[in-house]
PDB file of N, CA and C in Angstrom:
ATOM      1  N   MET A   1      96.520 100.372  74.335  1.00  0.00           N
ATOM      2  CA  MET A   1      96.914 100.761  73.002  1.00  0.00           C
ATOM      3  C   MET A   1      98.385 101.164  73.039  1.00  0.00           C
ATOM      4  N   GLU A   2      99.098 100.778  72.022  1.00  0.00           N
ATOM      5  CA  GLU A   2     100.512 101.136  71.896  1.00  0.00           C
ATOM      6  C   GLU A   2     100.716 101.950  70.629  1.00  0.00           C
ATOM      7  N   ALA A   3     101.484 103.008  70.724  1.00  0.00           N
ATOM      8  CA  ALA A   3     101.835 103.823  69.569  1.00  0.00           C
ATOM      9  C   ALA A   3     103.256 103.470  69.145  1.00  0.00           C
ATOM     10  N   LEU A   4     103.426 103.175  67.857  1.00  0.00           N
ATOM     11  CA  LEU A   4     104.737 102.873  67.296  1.00  0.00           C
ATOM     12  C   LEU A   4     105.177 104.034  66.422  1.00  0.00           C
ATOM     13  N   HIS A   5     106.458 104.297  66.425  1.00  0.00           N
ATOM     14  CA  HIS A   5     107.007 105.366  65.587  1.00  0.00           C
ATOM     15  C   HIS A   5     108.279 104.847  64.933  1.00  0.00           C
ATOM     16  N   GLY A   6     108.341 104.974  63.619  1.00  0.00           N
ATOM     17  CA  GLY A   6     109.536 104.551  62.895  1.00  0.00           C
ATOM     18  C   GLY A   6     110.716 105.455  63.207  1.00  0.00           C
ATOM     19  N   GLU A   7     111.830 104.829  63.491  1.00  0.00           N
ATOM     20  CA  GLU A   7     113.047 105.556  63.858  1.00  0.00           C
ATOM     21  C   GLU A   7     113.377 106.636  62.830  1.00  0.00           C
ATOM     22  N   GLU A   8     113.588 107.844  63.293  1.00  0.00           N
ATOM     23  CA  GLU A   8     113.949 109.019  62.494  1.00  0.00           C
ATOM     24  C   GLU A   8     112.870 109.456  61.503  1.00  0.00           C
ATOM     25  N   ALA A   9     111.650 108.935  61.637  1.00  0.00           N
ATOM     26  CA  ALA A   9     110.591 109.251  60.677  1.00  0.00           C
ATOM     27  C   ALA A   9     110.136 110.708  60.740  1.00  0.00           C
ATOM     28  N   GLY A  10     110.307 111.372  61.864  1.00  0.00           N
ATOM     29  CA  GLY A  10     109.834 112.740  61.969  1.00  0.00           C
ATOM     30  C   GLY A  10     110.908 113.804  61.866  1.00  0.00           C
ATOM     31  N   GLU A  11     112.135 113.386  61.635  1.00  0.00           N
ATOM     32  CA  GLU A  11     113.235 114.346  61.653  1.00  0.00           C
ATOM     33  C   GLU A  11     113.115 115.438  60.595  1.00  0.00           C
ATOM     34  N   GLY A  12     112.527 115.114  59.460  1.00  0.00           N
ATOM     35  CA  GLY A  12     112.398 116.096  58.390  1.00  0.00           C
ATOM     36  C   GLY A  12     111.527 117.280  58.768  1.00  0.00           C
ATOM     37  N   ILE A  13     110.678 117.111  59.767  1.00  0.00           N
ATOM     38  CA  ILE A  13     109.810 118.209  60.216  1.00  0.00           C
ATOM     39  C   ILE A  13     110.208 118.700  61.605  1.00  0.00           C
ATOM     40  N   GLY A  14     111.352 118.233  62.088  1.00  0.00           N
ATOM     41  CA  GLY A  14     111.840 118.689  63.385  1.00  0.00           C
ATOM     42  C   GLY A  14     111.226 117.983  64.571  1.00  0.00           C
ATOM     43  N   ALA A  15     110.596 116.837  64.346  1.00  0.00           N
ATOM     44  CA  ALA A  15     110.035 116.016  65.421  1.00  0.00           C
ATOM     45  C   ALA A  15     110.948 114.799  65.579  1.00  0.00           C
ATOM     46  N   PHE A  16     111.656 114.750  66.665  1.00  0.00           N
ATOM     47  CA  PHE A  16     112.691 113.737  66.851  1.00  0.00           C
ATOM     48  C   PHE A  16     112.185 112.550  67.668  1.00  0.00           C
ATOM     49  N   ASP A  17     112.889 111.449  67.545  1.00  0.00           N
ATOM     50  CA  ASP A  17     112.509 110.222  68.252  1.00  0.00           C
ATOM     51  C   ASP A  17     112.286 110.477  69.734  1.00  0.00           C
ATOM     52  N   ALA A  18     113.127 111.290  70.338  1.00  0.00           N
ATOM     53  CA  ALA A  18     112.992 111.570  71.772  1.00  0.00           C
ATOM     54  C   ALA A  18     111.645 112.227  72.078  1.00  0.00           C
ATOM     55  N   ASP A  19     111.154 113.064  71.157  1.00  0.00           N
ATOM     56  CA  ASP A  19     109.845 113.706  71.351  1.00  0.00           C
ATOM     57  C   ASP A  19     108.735 112.653  71.380  1.00  0.00           C
ATOM     58  N   TYR A  20     108.798 111.712  70.439  1.00  0.00           N
ATOM     59  CA  TYR A  20     107.789 110.655  70.382  1.00  0.00           C
ATOM     60  C   TYR A  20     107.896 109.734  71.585  1.00  0.00           C
ATOM     61  N   ALA A  21     109.107 109.386  71.973  1.00  0.00           N
ATOM     62  CA  ALA A  21     109.312 108.518  73.138  1.00  0.00           C
ATOM     63  C   ALA A  21     108.793 109.200  74.401  1.00  0.00           C
ATOM     64  N   GLU A  22     109.056 110.488  74.533  1.00  0.00           N
ATOM     65  CA  GLU A  22     108.595 111.231  75.699  1.00  0.00           C
ATOM     66  C   GLU A  22     107.065 111.243  75.775  1.00  0.00           C
ATOM     67  N   ALA A  23     106.417 111.224  74.609  1.00  0.00           N
ATOM     68  CA  ALA A  23     104.955 111.208  74.558  1.00  0.00           C
ATOM     69  C   ALA A  23     104.393 109.799  74.741  1.00  0.00           C
ATOM     70  N   GLY A  24     105.281 108.789  74.839  1.00  0.00           N
ATOM     71  CA  GLY A  24     104.827 107.435  75.109  1.00  0.00           C
ATOM     72  C   GLY A  24     104.926 106.450  73.967  1.00  0.00           C
ATOM     73  N   ALA A  25     105.413 106.874  72.820  1.00  0.00           N
ATOM     74  CA  ALA A  25     105.538 105.969  71.669  1.00  0.00           C
ATOM     75  C   ALA A  25     106.729 105.033  71.832  1.00  0.00           C
ATOM     76  N   THR A  26     106.593 103.868  71.254  1.00  0.00           N
ATOM     77  CA  THR A  26     107.701 102.927  71.152  1.00  0.00           C
ATOM     78  C   THR A  26     108.395 103.180  69.827  1.00  0.00           C
ATOM     79  N   ILE A  27     109.694 103.413  69.865  1.00  0.00           N
ATOM     80  CA  ILE A  27     110.458 103.667  68.641  1.00  0.00           C
ATOM     81  C   ILE A  27     110.890 102.321  68.065  1.00  0.00           C
ATOM     82  N   VAL A  28     110.561 102.083  66.801  1.00  0.00           N
ATOM     83  CA  VAL A  28     110.943 100.846  66.133  1.00  0.00           C
ATOM     84  C   VAL A  28     111.883 101.188  64.981  1.00  0.00           C
ATOM     85  N   PRO A  29     112.735 100.233  64.564  1.00  0.00           N
ATOM     86  CA  PRO A  29     113.814 100.567  63.641  1.00  0.00           C
ATOM     87  C   PRO A  29     113.420 100.927  62.211  1.00  0.00           C
ATOM     88  N   ASN A  30     112.232 100.522  61.759  1.00  0.00           N
ATOM     89  CA  ASN A  30     111.922 100.774  60.350  1.00  0.00           C
ATOM     90  C   ASN A  30     110.423 100.665  60.071  1.00  0.00           C
ATOM     91  N   ALA A  31     110.044 101.071  58.876  1.00  0.00           N
ATOM     92  CA  ALA A  31     108.636 101.035  58.472  1.00  0.00           C
ATOM     93  C   ALA A  31     108.096  99.617  58.435  1.00  0.00           C
ATOM     94  N   ALA A  32     108.935  98.654  58.079  1.00  0.00           N
ATOM     95  CA  ALA A  32     108.472  97.262  58.021  1.00  0.00           C
ATOM     96  C   ALA A  32     107.932  96.812  59.373  1.00  0.00           C
ATOM     97  N   GLU A  33     108.599  97.215  60.429  1.00  0.00           N
ATOM     98  CA  GLU A  33     108.131  96.831  61.760  1.00  0.00           C
ATOM     99  C   GLU A  33     106.847  97.578  62.123  1.00  0.00           C
ATOM    100  N   VAL A  34     106.761  98.830  61.752  1.00  0.00           N
ATOM    101  CA  VAL A  34     105.528  99.584  62.013  1.00  0.00           C
ATOM    102  C   VAL A  34     104.361  98.932  61.279  1.00  0.00           C
ATOM    103  N   PHE A  35     104.500  98.723  59.978  1.00  0.00           N
ATOM    104  CA  PHE A  35     103.428  98.136  59.179  1.00  0.00           C
ATOM    105  C   PHE A  35     103.111  96.714  59.633  1.00  0.00           C
ATOM    106  N   GLY A  36     104.119  95.977  60.071  1.00  0.00           N
ATOM    107  CA  GLY A  36     103.914  94.593  60.488  1.00  0.00           C
ATOM    108  C   GLY A  36     103.198  94.439  61.812  1.00  0.00           C
ATOM    109  N   LYS A  37     103.379  95.381  62.712  1.00  0.00           N
ATOM    110  CA  LYS A  37     102.793  95.282  64.049  1.00  0.00           C
ATOM    111  C   LYS A  37     101.511  96.085  64.233  1.00  0.00           C
ATOM    112  N   ALA A  38     101.337  97.135  63.457  1.00  0.00           N
ATOM    113  CA  ALA A  38     100.229  98.066  63.685  1.00  0.00           C
ATOM    114  C   ALA A  38      98.920  97.567  63.085  1.00  0.00           C
ATOM    115  N   ASP A  39      97.823  97.943  63.722  1.00  0.00           N
ATOM    116  CA  ASP A  39      96.496  97.743  63.154  1.00  0.00           C
ATOM    117  C   ASP A  39      96.092  98.964  62.329  1.00  0.00           C
ATOM    118  N   LEU A  40      96.644 100.118  62.692  1.00  0.00           N
ATOM    119  CA  LEU A  40      96.350 101.388  62.029  1.00  0.00           C
ATOM    120  C   LEU A  40      97.665 102.102  61.761  1.00  0.00           C
ATOM    121  N   VAL A  41      97.893 102.491  60.521  1.00  0.00           N
ATOM    122  CA  VAL A  41      99.075 103.273  60.149  1.00  0.00           C
ATOM    123  C   VAL A  41      98.595 104.657  59.738  1.00  0.00           C
ATOM    124  N   VAL A  42      99.122 105.681  60.393  1.00  0.00           N
ATOM    125  CA  VAL A  42      98.775 107.066  60.088  1.00  0.00           C
ATOM    126  C   VAL A  42     100.005 107.725  59.474  1.00  0.00           C
ATOM    127  N   LYS A  43      99.822 108.310  58.309  1.00  0.00           N
ATOM    128  CA  LYS A  43     100.924 108.978  57.604  1.00  0.00           C
ATOM    129  C   LYS A  43     100.469 110.378  57.214  1.00  0.00           C
ATOM    130  N   VAL A  44     101.393 111.304  57.178  1.00  0.00           N
ATOM    131  CA  VAL A  44     101.055 112.638  56.696  1.00  0.00           C
ATOM    132  C   VAL A  44     101.268 112.746  55.195  1.00  0.00           C
ATOM    133  N   LYS A  45     101.799 111.713  54.598  1.00  0.00           N
ATOM    134  CA  LYS A  45     102.010 111.653  53.159  1.00  0.00           C
ATOM    135  C   LYS A  45     101.347 110.383  52.639  1.00  0.00           C
ATOM    136  N   GLU A  46     101.606 110.079  51.381  1.00  0.00           N
ATOM    137  CA  GLU A  46     101.044 108.895  50.752  1.00  0.00           C
ATOM    138  C   GLU A  46     101.842 107.636  51.094  1.00  0.00           C
ATOM    139  N   ILE A  47     101.282 106.499  50.718  1.00  0.00           N
ATOM    140  CA  ILE A  47     102.017 105.241  50.795  1.00  0.00           C
ATOM    141  C   ILE A  47     103.073 105.288  49.697  1.00  0.00           C
ATOM    142  N   TYR A  48     104.308 105.058  50.072  1.00  0.00           N
ATOM    143  CA  TYR A  48     105.410 105.097  49.107  1.00  0.00           C
ATOM    144  C   TYR A  48     105.540 103.749  48.395  1.00  0.00           C
ATOM    145  N   PRO A  49     106.065 103.751  47.165  1.00  0.00           N
ATOM    146  CA  PRO A  49     106.223 102.486  46.438  1.00  0.00           C
ATOM    147  C   PRO A  49     106.979 101.417  47.238  1.00  0.00           C
ATOM    148  N   GLN A  50     107.977 101.811  48.012  1.00  0.00           N
ATOM    149  CA  GLN A  50     108.727 100.818  48.786  1.00  0.00           C
ATOM    150  C   GLN A  50     107.923 100.253  49.961  1.00  0.00           C
ATOM    151  N   GLU A  51     106.757 100.840  50.249  1.00  0.00           N
ATOM    152  CA  GLU A  51     105.901 100.339  51.327  1.00  0.00           C
ATOM    153  C   GLU A  51     104.806  99.406  50.826  1.00  0.00           C
ATOM    154  N   VAL A  52     104.626  99.302  49.515  1.00  0.00           N
ATOM    155  CA  VAL A  52     103.560  98.482  48.939  1.00  0.00           C
ATOM    156  C   VAL A  52     103.635  97.047  49.443  1.00  0.00           C
ATOM    157  N   GLY A  53     104.813  96.483  49.503  1.00  0.00           N
ATOM    158  CA  GLY A  53     104.970  95.109  49.963  1.00  0.00           C
ATOM    159  C   GLY A  53     104.663  94.924  51.441  1.00  0.00           C
ATOM    160  N   LEU A  54     104.494  96.006  52.180  1.00  0.00           N
ATOM    161  CA  LEU A  54     104.192  95.936  53.603  1.00  0.00           C
ATOM    162  C   LEU A  54     102.689  95.923  53.879  1.00  0.00           C
ATOM    163  N   LEU A  55     101.879  96.179  52.851  1.00  0.00           N
ATOM    164  CA  LEU A  55     100.431  96.184  53.011  1.00  0.00           C
ATOM    165  C   LEU A  55      99.938  94.768  53.232  1.00  0.00           C
ATOM    166  N   ARG A  56      98.912  94.636  54.069  1.00  0.00           N
ATOM    167  CA  ARG A  56      98.375  93.300  54.375  1.00  0.00           C
ATOM    168  C   ARG A  56      96.885  93.420  54.669  1.00  0.00           C
ATOM    169  N   PRO A  57      96.168  92.329  54.485  1.00  0.00           N
ATOM    170  CA  PRO A  57      94.733  92.361  54.776  1.00  0.00           C
ATOM    171  C   PRO A  57      94.474  92.775  56.226  1.00  0.00           C
ATOM    172  N   GLY A  58      93.454  93.607  56.398  1.00  0.00           N
ATOM    173  CA  GLY A  58      93.070  94.050  57.723  1.00  0.00           C
ATOM    174  C   GLY A  58      93.755  95.319  58.196  1.00  0.00           C
ATOM    175  N   LEU A  59      94.814  95.725  57.525  1.00  0.00           N
ATOM    176  CA  LEU A  59      95.514  96.943  57.911  1.00  0.00           C
ATOM    177  C   LEU A  59      94.657  98.155  57.551  1.00  0.00           C
ATOM    178  N   ILE A  60      94.545  99.077  58.472  1.00  0.00           N
ATOM    179  CA  ILE A  60      93.842 100.333  58.211  1.00  0.00           C
ATOM    180  C   ILE A  60      94.911 101.394  58.010  1.00  0.00           C
ATOM    181  N   THR A  61      94.796 102.143  56.936  1.00  0.00           N
ATOM    182  CA  THR A  61      95.739 103.233  56.690  1.00  0.00           C
ATOM    183  C   THR A  61      94.983 104.550  56.662  1.00  0.00           C
ATOM    184  N   PHE A  62      95.575 105.552  57.257  1.00  0.00           N
ATOM    185  CA  PHE A  62      95.047 106.912  57.186  1.00  0.00           C
ATOM    186  C   PHE A  62      96.164 107.738  56.582  1.00  0.00           C
ATOM    187  N   CYS A  63      95.986 108.093  55.317  1.00  0.00           N
ATOM    188  CA  CYS A  63      97.020 108.847  54.618  1.00  0.00           C
ATOM    189  C   CYS A  63      96.360 109.648  53.505  1.00  0.00           C
ATOM    190  N   PHE A  64      97.115 110.466  52.859  1.00  0.00           N
ATOM    191  CA  PHE A  64      96.625 111.285  51.758  1.00  0.00           C
ATOM    192  C   PHE A  64      97.162 110.694  50.464  1.00  0.00           C
ATOM    193  N   GLN A  65      96.355 109.833  49.856  1.00  0.00           N
ATOM    194  CA  GLN A  65      96.797 109.080  48.687  1.00  0.00           C
ATOM    195  C   GLN A  65      96.097 109.602  47.443  1.00  0.00           C
ATOM    196  N   HIS A  66      96.862 109.938  46.435  1.00  0.00           N
ATOM    197  CA  HIS A  66      96.319 110.331  45.144  1.00  0.00           C
ATOM    198  C   HIS A  66      96.624 109.184  44.192  1.00  0.00           C
ATOM    199  N   PHE A  67      95.604 108.394  43.863  1.00  0.00           N
ATOM    200  CA  PHE A  67      95.822 107.154  43.114  1.00  0.00           C
ATOM    201  C   PHE A  67      95.987 107.342  41.608  1.00  0.00           C
ATOM    202  N   ALA A  68      95.518 108.447  41.042  1.00  0.00           N
ATOM    203  CA  ALA A  68      95.574 108.607  39.584  1.00  0.00           C
ATOM    204  C   ALA A  68      96.985 108.406  39.032  1.00  0.00           C
ATOM    205  N   PRO A  69      98.021 109.000  39.624  1.00  0.00           N
ATOM    206  CA  PRO A  69      99.363 108.780  39.079  1.00  0.00           C
ATOM    207  C   PRO A  69     100.050 107.527  39.645  1.00  0.00           C
ATOM    208  N   ALA A  70      99.320 106.766  40.474  1.00  0.00           N
ATOM    209  CA  ALA A  70      99.951 105.620  41.136  1.00  0.00           C
ATOM    210  C   ALA A  70      99.055 104.379  41.065  1.00  0.00           C
ATOM    211  N   PRO A  71      98.745 103.901  39.861  1.00  0.00           N
ATOM    212  CA  PRO A  71      97.842 102.752  39.754  1.00  0.00           C
ATOM    213  C   PRO A  71      98.398 101.488  40.416  1.00  0.00           C
ATOM    214  N   ARG A  72      99.716 101.344  40.459  1.00  0.00           N
ATOM    215  CA  ARG A  72     100.321 100.176  41.115  1.00  0.00           C
ATOM    216  C   ARG A  72      99.997 100.170  42.613  1.00  0.00           C
ATOM    217  N   ILE A  73     100.023 101.342  43.229  1.00  0.00           N
ATOM    218  CA  ILE A  73      99.712 101.432  44.655  1.00  0.00           C
ATOM    219  C   ILE A  73      98.218 101.200  44.878  1.00  0.00           C
ATOM    220  N   LEU A  74      97.377 101.725  44.006  1.00  0.00           N
ATOM    221  CA  LEU A  74      95.943 101.464  44.106  1.00  0.00           C
ATOM    222  C   LEU A  74      95.678  99.963  44.045  1.00  0.00           C
ATOM    223  N   GLN A  75      96.272  99.280  43.078  1.00  0.00           N
ATOM    224  CA  GLN A  75      96.052  97.847  42.937  1.00  0.00           C
ATOM    225  C   GLN A  75      96.562  97.079  44.150  1.00  0.00           C
ATOM    226  N   ALA A  76      97.690  97.497  44.696  1.00  0.00           N
ATOM    227  CA  ALA A  76      98.232  96.841  45.898  1.00  0.00           C
ATOM    228  C   ALA A  76      97.280  97.015  47.080  1.00  0.00           C
ATOM    229  N   CYS A  77      96.687  98.193  47.212  1.00  0.00           N
ATOM    230  CA  CYS A  77      95.729  98.425  48.296  1.00  0.00           C
ATOM    231  C   CYS A  77      94.495  97.549  48.112  1.00  0.00           C
ATOM    232  N   LEU A  78      94.023  97.450  46.876  1.00  0.00           N
ATOM    233  CA  LEU A  78      92.858  96.593  46.600  1.00  0.00           C
ATOM    234  C   LEU A  78      93.193  95.130  46.866  1.00  0.00           C
ATOM    235  N   ASP A  79      94.360  94.695  46.402  1.00  0.00           N
ATOM    236  CA  ASP A  79      94.768  93.296  46.602  1.00  0.00           C
ATOM    237  C   ASP A  79      94.929  92.946  48.070  1.00  0.00           C
ATOM    238  N   ALA A  80      95.463  93.884  48.849  1.00  0.00           N
ATOM    239  CA  ALA A  80      95.685  93.633  50.276  1.00  0.00           C
ATOM    240  C   ALA A  80      94.407  93.819  51.090  1.00  0.00           C
ATOM    241  N   ARG A  81      93.361  94.360  50.446  1.00  0.00           N
ATOM    242  CA  ARG A  81      92.074  94.589  51.107  1.00  0.00           C
ATOM    243  C   ARG A  81      92.237  95.484  52.338  1.00  0.00           C
ATOM    244  N   ILE A  82      93.081  96.500  52.196  1.00  0.00           N
ATOM    245  CA  ILE A  82      93.228  97.460  53.287  1.00  0.00           C
ATOM    246  C   ILE A  82      92.172  98.533  53.162  1.00  0.00           C
ATOM    247  N   THR A  83      91.922  99.218  54.241  1.00  0.00           N
ATOM    248  CA  THR A  83      90.941 100.315  54.209  1.00  0.00           C
ATOM    249  C   THR A  83      91.646 101.607  54.564  1.00  0.00           C
TER     250      THR A  83
END
């Protein structure tokens, strides 16, 4: 199993790329690469509108999504058949 981490993704909470690399993660340059290579995407927040185009069939997401104010994201998840 390989763990991928988007470059600078944890800086807002004080978790730096070096911390993830030291724990064994591969640092990749952007979310597109994470979403494109991963079978499972784990987020501490929701899927952002700019990530909708990265959803694909078979992708498993673990995130905290509130769909009521985001029907476009709900529809994208349904269309991509993600779980």
